[in-house]
Amino acid sequence: MNNHDTGRGNIIIYGEKMKITMKLLIPITLLIIGLLLVATAHAGDAGAGKAKSVTCAGCHGVNGTSSSPLYPNLAGQHEQYLVKAITAYRAGERTDPTMKAMATPLTDADISNLAAFFSSLSCK
């Protein structure tokens, strides 16, 4: 058997324990590219988030570190967690009257930007 066998239009590359056909390689490559694009699409602008965060500072602190145990620290949280949490407050899936009022007017871009800003801060 040779290293490259062509049959029915498929190129099969033989390795020690795996075979990769072109019919599988192309969809897997496209899936990986798609996932990378989705991950990049959610990345916000930390500078725009900083400007928008002024209203958050009253409870969560100027640098995302609250001085009150009543309010969570936002500094250093994972960006996607913050996006999910703020979006859930906006949608009413998480219930807190103050956060609902603060999150309702935010656009998806605002949420991404705020998340980028707070995730970029040190939690110390």
PDB file of N, CA and C in Angstrom:
ATOM      1  N   MET A   1       0.847  -1.175   0.000  1.00  0.00           N
ATOM      2  CA  MET A   1       0.000   0.000   0.000  1.00  0.00           C
ATOM      3  C   MET A   1       0.888   1.233   0.000  1.00  0.00           C
ATOM      4  N   ASN A   2       0.519   2.237  -0.815  1.00  0.00           N
ATOM      5  CA  ASN A   2       1.305   3.462  -0.869  1.00  0.00           C
ATOM      6  C   ASN A   2       0.780   4.498   0.131  1.00  0.00           C
ATOM      7  N   ASN A   3       1.514   5.593   0.288  1.00  0.00           N
ATOM      8  CA  ASN A   3       1.117   6.622   1.251  1.00  0.00           C
ATOM      9  C   ASN A   3      -0.103   7.414   0.812  1.00  0.00           C
ATOM     10  N   HIS A   4      -0.302   7.566  -0.477  1.00  0.00           N
ATOM     11  CA  HIS A   4      -1.427   8.341  -0.970  1.00  0.00           C
ATOM     12  C   HIS A   4      -2.260   7.462  -1.885  1.00  0.00           C
ATOM     13  N   ASP A   5      -3.467   7.219  -1.487  1.00  0.00           N
ATOM     14  CA  ASP A   5      -4.366   6.378  -2.250  1.00  0.00           C
ATOM     15  C   ASP A   5      -5.535   7.249  -2.695  1.00  0.00           C
ATOM     16  N   THR A   6      -5.815   7.279  -3.976  1.00  0.00           N
ATOM     17  CA  THR A   6      -6.963   8.041  -4.441  1.00  0.00           C
ATOM     18  C   THR A   6      -8.017   7.060  -4.888  1.00  0.00           C
ATOM     19  N   GLY A   7      -9.188   7.283  -4.394  1.00  0.00           N
ATOM     20  CA  GLY A   7     -10.298   6.428  -4.774  1.00  0.00           C
ATOM     21  C   GLY A   7     -11.576   7.220  -4.699  1.00  0.00           C
ATOM     22  N   ARG A   8     -12.351   7.209  -5.775  1.00  0.00           N
ATOM     23  CA  ARG A   8     -13.620   7.921  -5.852  1.00  0.00           C
ATOM     24  C   ARG A   8     -13.485   9.409  -5.543  1.00  0.00           C
ATOM     25  N   GLY A   9     -12.404  10.015  -5.928  1.00  0.00           N
ATOM     26  CA  GLY A   9     -12.229  11.451  -5.759  1.00  0.00           C
ATOM     27  C   GLY A   9     -11.765  11.865  -4.375  1.00  0.00           C
ATOM     28  N   ASN A  10     -11.565  10.927  -3.483  1.00  0.00           N
ATOM     29  CA  ASN A  10     -11.089  11.253  -2.132  1.00  0.00           C
ATOM     30  C   ASN A  10      -9.591  11.029  -2.064  1.00  0.00           C
ATOM     31  N   ILE A  11      -8.923  11.914  -1.411  1.00  0.00           N
ATOM     32  CA  ILE A  11      -7.506  11.715  -1.145  1.00  0.00           C
ATOM     33  C   ILE A  11      -7.410  11.247   0.291  1.00  0.00           C
ATOM     34  N   ILE A  12      -6.824  10.106   0.495  1.00  0.00           N
ATOM     35  CA  ILE A  12      -6.697   9.562   1.836  1.00  0.00           C
ATOM     36  C   ILE A  12      -5.229   9.575   2.208  1.00  0.00           C
ATOM     37  N   ILE A  13      -4.932  10.216   3.327  1.00  0.00           N
ATOM     38  CA  ILE A  13      -3.564  10.271   3.816  1.00  0.00           C
ATOM     39  C   ILE A  13      -3.475   9.291   4.971  1.00  0.00           C
ATOM     40  N   TYR A  14      -2.586   8.324   4.852  1.00  0.00           N
ATOM     41  CA  TYR A  14      -2.452   7.310   5.882  1.00  0.00           C
ATOM     42  C   TYR A  14      -1.412   7.736   6.905  1.00  0.00           C
ATOM     43  N   GLY A  15      -1.761   7.651   8.153  1.00  0.00           N
ATOM     44  CA  GLY A  15      -0.830   7.898   9.238  1.00  0.00           C
ATOM     45  C   GLY A  15      -0.799   6.651  10.091  1.00  0.00           C
ATOM     46  N   GLU A  16      -0.106   6.715  11.219  1.00  0.00           N
ATOM     47  CA  GLU A  16      -0.019   5.541  12.068  1.00  0.00           C
ATOM     48  C   GLU A  16      -1.382   5.091  12.548  1.00  0.00           C
ATOM     49  N   LYS A  17      -2.189   6.052  13.074  1.00  0.00           N
ATOM     50  CA  LYS A  17      -3.466   5.652  13.659  1.00  0.00           C
ATOM     51  C   LYS A  17      -4.652   6.437  13.126  1.00  0.00           C
ATOM     52  N   MET A  18      -4.464   7.268  12.107  1.00  0.00           N
ATOM     53  CA  MET A  18      -5.613   8.034  11.637  1.00  0.00           C
ATOM     54  C   MET A  18      -5.589   8.219  10.133  1.00  0.00           C
ATOM     55  N   LYS A  19      -6.779   8.408   9.603  1.00  0.00           N
ATOM     56  CA  LYS A  19      -6.944   8.709   8.194  1.00  0.00           C
ATOM     57  C   LYS A  19      -7.747  10.004   8.110  1.00  0.00           C
ATOM     58  N   ILE A  20      -7.315  10.902   7.241  1.00  0.00           N
ATOM     59  CA  ILE A  20      -8.042  12.146   7.045  1.00  0.00           C
ATOM     60  C   ILE A  20      -8.431  12.209   5.577  1.00  0.00           C
ATOM     61  N   THR A  21      -9.693  12.306   5.310  1.00  0.00           N
ATOM     62  CA  THR A  21     -10.124  12.449   3.925  1.00  0.00           C
ATOM     63  C   THR A  21     -10.403  13.915   3.661  1.00  0.00           C
ATOM     64  N   MET A  22     -10.295  14.313   2.431  1.00  0.00           N
ATOM     65  CA  MET A  22     -10.556  15.699   2.055  1.00  0.00           C
ATOM     66  C   MET A  22     -12.006  16.066   2.353  1.00  0.00           C
ATOM     67  N   LYS A  23     -12.902  15.084   2.273  1.00  0.00           N
ATOM     68  CA  LYS A  23     -14.307  15.369   2.579  1.00  0.00           C
ATOM     69  C   LYS A  23     -14.500  15.758   4.034  1.00  0.00           C
ATOM     70  N   LEU A  24     -13.642  15.306   4.920  1.00  0.00           N
ATOM     71  CA  LEU A  24     -13.717  15.686   6.327  1.00  0.00           C
ATOM     72  C   LEU A  24     -12.841  16.892   6.633  1.00  0.00           C
ATOM     73  N   LEU A  25     -11.721  16.984   5.989  1.00  0.00           N
ATOM     74  CA  LEU A  25     -10.770  18.053   6.272  1.00  0.00           C
ATOM     75  C   LEU A  25     -11.350  19.430   5.978  1.00  0.00           C
ATOM     76  N   ILE A  26     -12.023  19.581   4.860  1.00  0.00           N
ATOM     77  CA  ILE A  26     -12.578  20.882   4.484  1.00  0.00           C
ATOM     78  C   ILE A  26     -13.662  21.330   5.463  1.00  0.00           C
ATOM     79  N   PRO A  27     -14.678  20.510   5.806  1.00  0.00           N
ATOM     80  CA  PRO A  27     -15.681  20.967   6.776  1.00  0.00           C
ATOM     81  C   PRO A  27     -15.096  21.266   8.156  1.00  0.00           C
ATOM     82  N   ILE A  28     -14.131  20.481   8.574  1.00  0.00           N
ATOM     83  CA  ILE A  28     -13.514  20.723   9.882  1.00  0.00           C
ATOM     84  C   ILE A  28     -12.765  22.052   9.863  1.00  0.00           C
ATOM     85  N   THR A  29     -12.048  22.318   8.792  1.00  0.00           N
ATOM     86  CA  THR A  29     -11.329  23.585   8.666  1.00  0.00           C
ATOM     87  C   THR A  29     -12.299  24.757   8.658  1.00  0.00           C
ATOM     88  N   LEU A  30     -13.399  24.640   7.924  1.00  0.00           N
ATOM     89  CA  LEU A  30     -14.396  25.709   7.879  1.00  0.00           C
ATOM     90  C   LEU A  30     -15.048  25.914   9.245  1.00  0.00           C
ATOM     91  N   LEU A  31     -15.284  24.843   9.975  1.00  0.00           N
ATOM     92  CA  LEU A  31     -15.853  24.942  11.313  1.00  0.00           C
ATOM     93  C   LEU A  31     -14.914  25.705  12.245  1.00  0.00           C
ATOM     94  N   ILE A  32     -13.642  25.380  12.191  1.00  0.00           N
ATOM     95  CA  ILE A  32     -12.655  26.060  13.037  1.00  0.00           C
ATOM     96  C   ILE A  32     -12.590  27.547  12.688  1.00  0.00           C
ATOM     97  N   ILE A  33     -12.580  27.867  11.421  1.00  0.00           N
ATOM     98  CA  ILE A  33     -12.550  29.273  10.992  1.00  0.00           C
ATOM     99  C   ILE A  33     -13.810  29.988  11.478  1.00  0.00           C
ATOM    100  N   GLY A  34     -14.950  29.335  11.346  1.00  0.00           N
ATOM    101  CA  GLY A  34     -16.213  29.929  11.807  1.00  0.00           C
ATOM    102  C   GLY A  34     -16.212  30.196  13.292  1.00  0.00           C
ATOM    103  N   LEU A  35     -15.709  29.260  14.071  1.00  0.00           N
ATOM    104  CA  LEU A  35     -15.647  29.453  15.516  1.00  0.00           C
ATOM    105  C   LEU A  35     -14.720  30.603  15.888  1.00  0.00           C
ATOM    106  N   LEU A  36     -13.619  30.729  15.182  1.00  0.00           N
ATOM    107  CA  LEU A  36     -12.712  31.844  15.433  1.00  0.00           C
ATOM    108  C   LEU A  36     -13.363  33.180  15.087  1.00  0.00           C
ATOM    109  N   LEU A  37     -14.129  33.212  14.024  1.00  0.00           N
ATOM    110  CA  LEU A  37     -14.817  34.443  13.646  1.00  0.00           C
ATOM    111  C   LEU A  37     -15.873  34.824  14.665  1.00  0.00           C
ATOM    112  N   VAL A  38     -16.609  33.848  15.177  1.00  0.00           N
ATOM    113  CA  VAL A  38     -17.628  34.114  16.190  1.00  0.00           C
ATOM    114  C   VAL A  38     -16.977  34.641  17.457  1.00  0.00           C
ATOM    115  N   ALA A  39     -15.877  34.040  17.878  1.00  0.00           N
ATOM    116  CA  ALA A  39     -15.181  34.490  19.083  1.00  0.00           C
ATOM    117  C   ALA A  39     -14.675  35.914  18.912  1.00  0.00           C
ATOM    118  N   THR A  40     -14.192  36.248  17.740  1.00  0.00           N
ATOM    119  CA  THR A  40     -13.678  37.586  17.474  1.00  0.00           C
ATOM    120  C   THR A  40     -14.812  38.593  17.378  1.00  0.00           C
ATOM    121  N   ALA A  41     -15.962  38.175  16.875  1.00  0.00           N
ATOM    122  CA  ALA A  41     -17.090  39.084  16.695  1.00  0.00           C
ATOM    123  C   ALA A  41     -17.601  39.625  18.027  1.00  0.00           C
ATOM    124  N   HIS A  42     -17.427  38.881  19.101  1.00  0.00           N
ATOM    125  CA  HIS A  42     -17.916  39.311  20.402  1.00  0.00           C
ATOM    126  C   HIS A  42     -16.935  40.220  21.137  1.00  0.00           C
ATOM    127  N   ALA A  43     -15.744  40.342  20.638  1.00  0.00           N
ATOM    128  CA  ALA A  43     -14.746  41.162  21.315  1.00  0.00           C
ATOM    129  C   ALA A  43     -15.172  42.627  21.232  1.00  0.00           C
ATOM    130  N   GLY A  44     -15.241  43.258  22.390  1.00  0.00           N
ATOM    131  CA  GLY A  44     -15.665  44.648  22.437  1.00  0.00           C
ATOM    132  C   GLY A  44     -14.495  45.608  22.456  1.00  0.00           C
ATOM    133  N   ASP A  45     -14.816  46.870  22.479  1.00  0.00           N
ATOM    134  CA  ASP A  45     -13.845  47.957  22.510  1.00  0.00           C
ATOM    135  C   ASP A  45     -13.746  48.445  23.953  1.00  0.00           C
ATOM    136  N   ALA A  46     -12.638  48.148  24.605  1.00  0.00           N
ATOM    137  CA  ALA A  46     -12.456  48.502  26.016  1.00  0.00           C
ATOM    138  C   ALA A  46     -12.502  50.018  26.228  1.00  0.00           C
ATOM    139  N   GLY A  47     -12.000  50.792  25.277  1.00  0.00           N
ATOM    140  CA  GLY A  47     -12.040  52.249  25.395  1.00  0.00           C
ATOM    141  C   GLY A  47     -13.466  52.780  25.410  1.00  0.00           C
ATOM    142  N   ALA A  48     -14.291  52.254  24.518  1.00  0.00           N
ATOM    143  CA  ALA A  48     -15.703  52.655  24.484  1.00  0.00           C
ATOM    144  C   ALA A  48     -16.415  52.165  25.741  1.00  0.00           C
ATOM    145  N   GLY A  49     -16.014  50.988  26.227  1.00  0.00           N
ATOM    146  CA  GLY A  49     -16.600  50.460  27.452  1.00  0.00           C
ATOM    147  C   GLY A  49     -16.269  51.318  28.657  1.00  0.00           C
ATOM    148  N   LYS A  50     -15.055  51.826  28.698  1.00  0.00           N
ATOM    149  CA  LYS A  50     -14.650  52.700  29.807  1.00  0.00           C
ATOM    150  C   LYS A  50     -15.527  53.948  29.833  1.00  0.00           C
ATOM    151  N   ALA A  51     -15.760  54.539  28.662  1.00  0.00           N
ATOM    152  CA  ALA A  51     -16.605  55.731  28.586  1.00  0.00           C
ATOM    153  C   ALA A  51     -18.036  55.422  29.034  1.00  0.00           C
ATOM    154  N   LYS A  52     -18.519  54.254  28.689  1.00  0.00           N
ATOM    155  CA  LYS A  52     -19.898  53.865  29.028  1.00  0.00           C
ATOM    156  C   LYS A  52     -20.020  53.438  30.489  1.00  0.00           C
ATOM    157  N   SER A  53     -18.914  53.089  31.122  1.00  0.00           N
ATOM    158  CA  SER A  53     -18.943  52.527  32.481  1.00  0.00           C
ATOM    159  C   SER A  53     -19.190  53.549  33.579  1.00  0.00           C
ATOM    160  N   VAL A  54     -19.276  54.822  33.241  1.00  0.00           N
ATOM    161  CA  VAL A  54     -19.478  55.864  34.247  1.00  0.00           C
ATOM    162  C   VAL A  54     -20.716  55.568  35.097  1.00  0.00           C
ATOM    163  N   THR A  55     -21.780  55.092  34.459  1.00  0.00           N
ATOM    164  CA  THR A  55     -23.009  54.804  35.208  1.00  0.00           C
ATOM    165  C   THR A  55     -22.878  53.556  36.084  1.00  0.00           C
ATOM    166  N   CYS A  56     -21.931  52.706  35.792  1.00  0.00           N
ATOM    167  CA  CYS A  56     -21.716  51.485  36.581  1.00  0.00           C
ATOM    168  C   CYS A  56     -20.939  51.779  37.868  1.00  0.00           C
ATOM    169  N   ALA A  57     -20.168  52.865  37.842  1.00  0.00           N
ATOM    170  CA  ALA A  57     -19.231  53.167  38.924  1.00  0.00           C
ATOM    171  C   ALA A  57     -19.912  53.387  40.268  1.00  0.00           C
ATOM    172  N   GLY A  58     -21.132  53.875  40.264  1.00  0.00           N
ATOM    173  CA  GLY A  58     -21.831  54.132  41.517  1.00  0.00           C
ATOM    174  C   GLY A  58     -21.946  52.898  42.402  1.00  0.00           C
ATOM    175  N   CYS A  59     -22.148  51.756  41.802  1.00  0.00           N
ATOM    176  CA  CYS A  59     -22.288  50.501  42.563  1.00  0.00           C
ATOM    177  C   CYS A  59     -21.034  49.631  42.474  1.00  0.00           C
ATOM    178  N   HIS A  60     -20.446  49.561  41.290  1.00  0.00           N
ATOM    179  CA  HIS A  60     -19.352  48.618  41.045  1.00  0.00           C
ATOM    180  C   HIS A  60     -17.959  49.236  41.137  1.00  0.00           C
ATOM    181  N   GLY A  61     -17.889  50.528  41.452  1.00  0.00           N
ATOM    182  CA  GLY A  61     -16.599  51.195  41.604  1.00  0.00           C
ATOM    183  C   GLY A  61     -16.042  51.703  40.290  1.00  0.00           C
ATOM    184  N   VAL A  62     -15.234  52.747  40.356  1.00  0.00           N
ATOM    185  CA  VAL A  62     -14.657  53.376  39.167  1.00  0.00           C
ATOM    186  C   VAL A  62     -13.811  52.387  38.375  1.00  0.00           C
ATOM    187  N   ASN A  63     -13.070  51.545  39.071  1.00  0.00           N
ATOM    188  CA  ASN A  63     -12.221  50.554  38.403  1.00  0.00           C
ATOM    189  C   ASN A  63     -12.802  49.147  38.475  1.00  0.00           C
ATOM    190  N   GLY A  64     -14.129  49.059  38.641  1.00  0.00           N
ATOM    191  CA  GLY A  64     -14.786  47.758  38.645  1.00  0.00           C
ATOM    192  C   GLY A  64     -14.658  46.994  39.947  1.00  0.00           C
ATOM    193  N   THR A  65     -14.117  47.647  40.976  1.00  0.00           N
ATOM    194  CA  THR A  65     -13.977  47.013  42.284  1.00  0.00           C
ATOM    195  C   THR A  65     -14.879  47.760  43.260  1.00  0.00           C
ATOM    196  N   SER A  66     -15.923  47.106  43.695  1.00  0.00           N
ATOM    197  CA  SER A  66     -16.911  47.733  44.562  1.00  0.00           C
ATOM    198  C   SER A  66     -16.375  47.911  45.976  1.00  0.00           C
ATOM    199  N   SER A  67     -16.747  49.026  46.590  1.00  0.00           N
ATOM    200  CA  SER A  67     -16.367  49.237  47.987  1.00  0.00           C
ATOM    201  C   SER A  67     -17.427  48.675  48.927  1.00  0.00           C
ATOM    202  N   SER A  68     -18.530  48.203  48.376  1.00  0.00           N
ATOM    203  CA  SER A  68     -19.621  47.642  49.178  1.00  0.00           C
ATOM    204  C   SER A  68     -19.768  46.151  48.902  1.00  0.00           C
ATOM    205  N   PRO A  69     -19.960  45.359  49.940  1.00  0.00           N
ATOM    206  CA  PRO A  69     -20.171  43.924  49.723  1.00  0.00           C
ATOM    207  C   PRO A  69     -21.519  43.602  49.065  1.00  0.00           C
ATOM    208  N   LEU A  70     -22.372  44.611  48.939  1.00  0.00           N
ATOM    209  CA  LEU A  70     -23.672  44.407  48.293  1.00  0.00           C
ATOM    210  C   LEU A  70     -23.562  44.244  46.780  1.00  0.00           C
ATOM    211  N   TYR A  71     -22.473  44.777  46.206  1.00  0.00           N
ATOM    212  CA  TYR A  71     -22.325  44.776  44.754  1.00  0.00           C
ATOM    213  C   TYR A  71     -21.075  44.015  44.347  1.00  0.00           C
ATOM    214  N   PRO A  72     -21.188  43.181  43.317  1.00  0.00           N
ATOM    215  CA  PRO A  72     -20.021  42.383  42.906  1.00  0.00           C
ATOM    216  C   PRO A  72     -18.953  43.207  42.197  1.00  0.00           C
ATOM    217  N   ASN A  73     -17.735  42.740  42.311  1.00  0.00           N
ATOM    218  CA  ASN A  73     -16.628  43.320  41.552  1.00  0.00           C
ATOM    219  C   ASN A  73     -16.744  42.853  40.104  1.00  0.00           C
ATOM    220  N   LEU A  74     -16.553  43.751  39.189  1.00  0.00           N
ATOM    221  CA  LEU A  74     -16.593  43.409  37.767  1.00  0.00           C
ATOM    222  C   LEU A  74     -15.193  43.309  37.168  1.00  0.00           C
ATOM    223  N   ALA A  75     -14.238  43.956  37.811  1.00  0.00           N
ATOM    224  CA  ALA A  75     -12.859  43.949  37.311  1.00  0.00           C
ATOM    225  C   ALA A  75     -12.319  42.524  37.260  1.00  0.00           C
ATOM    226  N   GLY A  76     -11.728  42.182  36.118  1.00  0.00           N
ATOM    227  CA  GLY A  76     -11.091  40.880  35.973  1.00  0.00           C
ATOM    228  C   GLY A  76     -12.028  39.727  35.668  1.00  0.00           C
ATOM    229  N   GLN A  77     -13.320  39.992  35.583  1.00  0.00           N
ATOM    230  CA  GLN A  77     -14.255  38.916  35.219  1.00  0.00           C
ATOM    231  C   GLN A  77     -14.024  38.534  33.754  1.00  0.00           C
ATOM    232  N   HIS A  78     -14.367  37.318  33.392  1.00  0.00           N
ATOM    233  CA  HIS A  78     -14.230  36.881  31.999  1.00  0.00           C
ATOM    234  C   HIS A  78     -15.204  37.666  31.115  1.00  0.00           C
ATOM    235  N   GLU A  79     -14.701  38.095  29.981  1.00  0.00           N
ATOM    236  CA  GLU A  79     -15.491  38.928  29.069  1.00  0.00           C
ATOM    237  C   GLU A  79     -16.804  38.269  28.677  1.00  0.00           C
ATOM    238  N   GLN A  80     -16.752  37.014  28.273  1.00  0.00           N
ATOM    239  CA  GLN A  80     -17.980  36.346  27.834  1.00  0.00           C
ATOM    240  C   GLN A  80     -18.971  36.143  28.976  1.00  0.00           C
ATOM    241  N   TYR A  81     -18.472  35.950  30.189  1.00  0.00           N
ATOM    242  CA  TYR A  81     -19.364  35.859  31.353  1.00  0.00           C
ATOM    243  C   TYR A  81     -20.117  37.177  31.536  1.00  0.00           C
ATOM    244  N   LEU A  82     -19.391  38.293  31.456  1.00  0.00           N
ATOM    245  CA  LEU A  82     -20.031  39.597  31.616  1.00  0.00           C
ATOM    246  C   LEU A  82     -21.059  39.851  30.518  1.00  0.00           C
ATOM    247  N   VAL A  83     -20.728  39.495  29.282  1.00  0.00           N
ATOM    248  CA  VAL A  83     -21.680  39.656  28.178  1.00  0.00           C
ATOM    249  C   VAL A  83     -22.946  38.859  28.477  1.00  0.00           C
ATOM    250  N   LYS A  84     -22.766  37.623  28.888  1.00  0.00           N
ATOM    251  CA  LYS A  84     -23.921  36.761  29.168  1.00  0.00           C
ATOM    252  C   LYS A  84     -24.748  37.301  30.332  1.00  0.00           C
ATOM    253  N   ALA A  85     -24.086  37.750  31.400  1.00  0.00           N
ATOM    254  CA  ALA A  85     -24.792  38.236  32.580  1.00  0.00           C
ATOM    255  C   ALA A  85     -25.564  39.525  32.279  1.00  0.00           C
ATOM    256  N   ILE A  86     -24.916  40.482  31.636  1.00  0.00           N
ATOM    257  CA  ILE A  86     -25.587  41.757  31.350  1.00  0.00           C
ATOM    258  C   ILE A  86     -26.734  41.547  30.373  1.00  0.00           C
ATOM    259  N   THR A  87     -26.515  40.691  29.385  1.00  0.00           N
ATOM    260  CA  THR A  87     -27.575  40.382  28.422  1.00  0.00           C
ATOM    261  C   THR A  87     -28.764  39.723  29.128  1.00  0.00           C
ATOM    262  N   ALA A  88     -28.487  38.855  30.083  1.00  0.00           N
ATOM    263  CA  ALA A  88     -29.559  38.189  30.837  1.00  0.00           C
ATOM    264  C   ALA A  88     -30.335  39.197  31.687  1.00  0.00           C
ATOM    265  N   TYR A  89     -29.665  40.175  32.280  1.00  0.00           N
ATOM    266  CA  TYR A  89     -30.376  41.231  33.020  1.00  0.00           C
ATOM    267  C   TYR A  89     -31.269  42.023  32.070  1.00  0.00           C
ATOM    268  N   ARG A  90     -30.741  42.357  30.907  1.00  0.00           N
ATOM    269  CA  ARG A  90     -31.513  43.123  29.924  1.00  0.00           C
ATOM    270  C   ARG A  90     -32.756  42.356  29.480  1.00  0.00           C
ATOM    271  N   ALA A  91     -32.614  41.040  29.299  1.00  0.00           N
ATOM    272  CA  ALA A  91     -33.723  40.205  28.834  1.00  0.00           C
ATOM    273  C   ALA A  91     -34.690  39.813  29.955  1.00  0.00           C
ATOM    274  N   GLY A  92     -34.321  40.100  31.196  1.00  0.00           N
ATOM    275  CA  GLY A  92     -35.162  39.713  32.320  1.00  0.00           C
ATOM    276  C   GLY A  92     -34.955  38.282  32.779  1.00  0.00           C
ATOM    277  N   GLU A  93     -33.918  37.614  32.242  1.00  0.00           N
ATOM    278  CA  GLU A  93     -33.616  36.235  32.643  1.00  0.00           C
ATOM    279  C   GLU A  93     -32.927  36.198  34.000  1.00  0.00           C
ATOM    280  N   ARG A  94     -32.238  37.265  34.357  1.00  0.00           N
ATOM    281  CA  ARG A  94     -31.683  37.456  35.694  1.00  0.00           C
ATOM    282  C   ARG A  94     -32.475  38.603  36.300  1.00  0.00           C
ATOM    283  N   THR A  95     -32.867  38.440  37.544  1.00  0.00           N
ATOM    284  CA  THR A  95     -33.750  39.433  38.138  1.00  0.00           C
ATOM    285  C   THR A  95     -33.052  40.268  39.193  1.00  0.00           C
ATOM    286  N   ASP A  96     -32.997  41.535  38.913  1.00  0.00           N
ATOM    287  CA  ASP A  96     -32.554  42.552  39.852  1.00  0.00           C
ATOM    288  C   ASP A  96     -33.084  43.856  39.272  1.00  0.00           C
ATOM    289  N   PRO A  97     -33.983  44.526  39.999  1.00  0.00           N
ATOM    290  CA  PRO A  97     -34.618  45.716  39.426  1.00  0.00           C
ATOM    291  C   PRO A  97     -33.627  46.799  38.991  1.00  0.00           C
ATOM    292  N   THR A  98     -32.581  47.010  39.769  1.00  0.00           N
ATOM    293  CA  THR A  98     -31.605  48.038  39.415  1.00  0.00           C
ATOM    294  C   THR A  98     -30.847  47.644  38.155  1.00  0.00           C
ATOM    295  N   MET A  99     -30.383  46.406  38.109  1.00  0.00           N
ATOM    296  CA  MET A  99     -29.630  45.960  36.927  1.00  0.00           C
ATOM    297  C   MET A  99     -30.519  45.902  35.685  1.00  0.00           C
ATOM    298  N   LYS A 100     -31.763  45.533  35.859  1.00  0.00           N
ATOM    299  CA  LYS A 100     -32.694  45.523  34.719  1.00  0.00           C
ATOM    300  C   LYS A 100     -32.814  46.935  34.150  1.00  0.00           C
ATOM    301  N   ALA A 101     -32.967  47.928  35.041  1.00  0.00           N
ATOM    302  CA  ALA A 101     -33.089  49.320  34.593  1.00  0.00           C
ATOM    303  C   ALA A 101     -31.807  49.808  33.926  1.00  0.00           C
ATOM    304  N   MET A 102     -30.656  49.378  34.439  1.00  0.00           N
ATOM    305  CA  MET A 102     -29.386  49.817  33.866  1.00  0.00           C
ATOM    306  C   MET A 102     -29.092  49.112  32.538  1.00  0.00           C
ATOM    307  N   ALA A 103     -29.470  47.856  32.418  1.00  0.00           N
ATOM    308  CA  ALA A 103     -29.134  47.059  31.233  1.00  0.00           C
ATOM    309  C   ALA A 103     -30.107  47.251  30.076  1.00  0.00           C
ATOM    310  N   THR A 104     -31.354  47.604  30.364  1.00  0.00           N
ATOM    311  CA  THR A 104     -32.371  47.703  29.315  1.00  0.00           C
ATOM    312  C   THR A 104     -31.974  48.616  28.152  1.00  0.00           C
ATOM    313  N   PRO A 105     -31.429  49.813  28.404  1.00  0.00           N
ATOM    314  CA  PRO A 105     -31.102  50.675  27.259  1.00  0.00           C
ATOM    315  C   PRO A 105     -29.814  50.305  26.516  1.00  0.00           C
ATOM    316  N   LEU A 106     -29.064  49.347  27.029  1.00  0.00           N
ATOM    317  CA  LEU A 106     -27.783  48.994  26.412  1.00  0.00           C
ATOM    318  C   LEU A 106     -27.981  48.226  25.111  1.00  0.00           C
ATOM    319  N   THR A 107     -27.188  48.557  24.117  1.00  0.00           N
ATOM    320  CA  THR A 107     -27.173  47.796  22.862  1.00  0.00           C
ATOM    321  C   THR A 107     -26.222  46.610  23.035  1.00  0.00           C
ATOM    322  N   ASP A 108     -26.245  45.698  22.079  1.00  0.00           N
ATOM    323  CA  ASP A 108     -25.298  44.578  22.113  1.00  0.00           C
ATOM    324  C   ASP A 108     -23.859  45.095  22.089  1.00  0.00           C
ATOM    325  N   ALA A 109     -23.615  46.148  21.302  1.00  0.00           N
ATOM    326  CA  ALA A 109     -22.260  46.724  21.231  1.00  0.00           C
ATOM    327  C   ALA A 109     -21.869  47.329  22.576  1.00  0.00           C
ATOM    328  N   ASP A 110     -22.808  48.031  23.239  1.00  0.00           N
ATOM    329  CA  ASP A 110     -22.524  48.587  24.565  1.00  0.00           C
ATOM    330  C   ASP A 110     -22.117  47.494  25.542  1.00  0.00           C
ATOM    331  N   ILE A 111     -22.861  46.394  25.514  1.00  0.00           N
ATOM    332  CA  ILE A 111     -22.593  45.275  26.426  1.00  0.00           C
ATOM    333  C   ILE A 111     -21.218  44.678  26.137  1.00  0.00           C
ATOM    334  N   SER A 112     -20.911  44.470  24.872  1.00  0.00           N
ATOM    335  CA  SER A 112     -19.596  43.929  24.500  1.00  0.00           C
ATOM    336  C   SER A 112     -18.477  44.867  24.933  1.00  0.00           C
ATOM    337  N   ASN A 113     -18.695  46.162  24.761  1.00  0.00           N
ATOM    338  CA  ASN A 113     -17.679  47.145  25.133  1.00  0.00           C
ATOM    339  C   ASN A 113     -17.479  47.197  26.651  1.00  0.00           C
ATOM    340  N   LEU A 114     -18.568  47.185  27.402  1.00  0.00           N
ATOM    341  CA  LEU A 114     -18.454  47.173  28.867  1.00  0.00           C
ATOM    342  C   LEU A 114     -17.727  45.920  29.337  1.00  0.00           C
ATOM    343  N   ALA A 115     -18.080  44.787  28.751  1.00  0.00           N
ATOM    344  CA  ALA A 115     -17.441  43.527  29.129  1.00  0.00           C
ATOM    345  C   ALA A 115     -15.937  43.554  28.809  1.00  0.00           C
ATOM    346  N   ALA A 116     -15.593  44.118  27.667  1.00  0.00           N
ATOM    347  CA  ALA A 116     -14.180  44.226  27.297  1.00  0.00           C
ATOM    348  C   ALA A 116     -13.435  45.107  28.293  1.00  0.00           C
ATOM    349  N   PHE A 117     -14.053  46.208  28.678  1.00  0.00           N
ATOM    350  CA  PHE A 117     -13.418  47.122  29.620  1.00  0.00           C
ATOM    351  C   PHE A 117     -13.206  46.455  30.974  1.00  0.00           C
ATOM    352  N   PHE A 118     -14.273  45.939  31.569  1.00  0.00           N
ATOM    353  CA  PHE A 118     -14.152  45.371  32.914  1.00  0.00           C
ATOM    354  C   PHE A 118     -13.252  44.129  32.947  1.00  0.00           C
ATOM    355  N   SER A 119     -13.270  43.350  31.871  1.00  0.00           N
ATOM    356  CA  SER A 119     -12.406  42.159  31.845  1.00  0.00           C
ATOM    357  C   SER A 119     -10.938  42.539  31.698  1.00  0.00           C
ATOM    358  N   SER A 120     -10.672  43.735  31.208  1.00  0.00           N
ATOM    359  CA  SER A 120      -9.288  44.169  31.018  1.00  0.00           C
ATOM    360  C   SER A 120      -8.665  44.706  32.306  1.00  0.00           C
ATOM    361  N   LEU A 121      -9.490  44.939  33.322  1.00  0.00           N
ATOM    362  CA  LEU A 121      -9.010  45.520  34.567  1.00  0.00           C
ATOM    363  C   LEU A 121      -8.497  44.445  35.517  1.00  0.00           C
ATOM    364  N   SER A 122      -7.552  44.825  36.331  1.00  0.00           N
ATOM    365  CA  SER A 122      -7.034  43.924  37.357  1.00  0.00           C
ATOM    366  C   SER A 122      -8.025  43.867  38.503  1.00  0.00           C
ATOM    367  N   CYS A 123      -8.223  42.704  39.055  1.00  0.00           N
ATOM    368  CA  CYS A 123      -9.164  42.552  40.166  1.00  0.00           C
ATOM    369  C   CYS A 123      -8.525  42.864  41.511  1.00  0.00           C
ATOM    370  N   LYS A 124      -7.296  43.329  41.511  1.00  0.00           N
ATOM    371  CA  LYS A 124      -6.601  43.655  42.763  1.00  0.00           C
ATOM    372  C   LYS A 124      -6.879  45.059  43.199  1.00  0.00           C
TER     373      LYS A 124
END
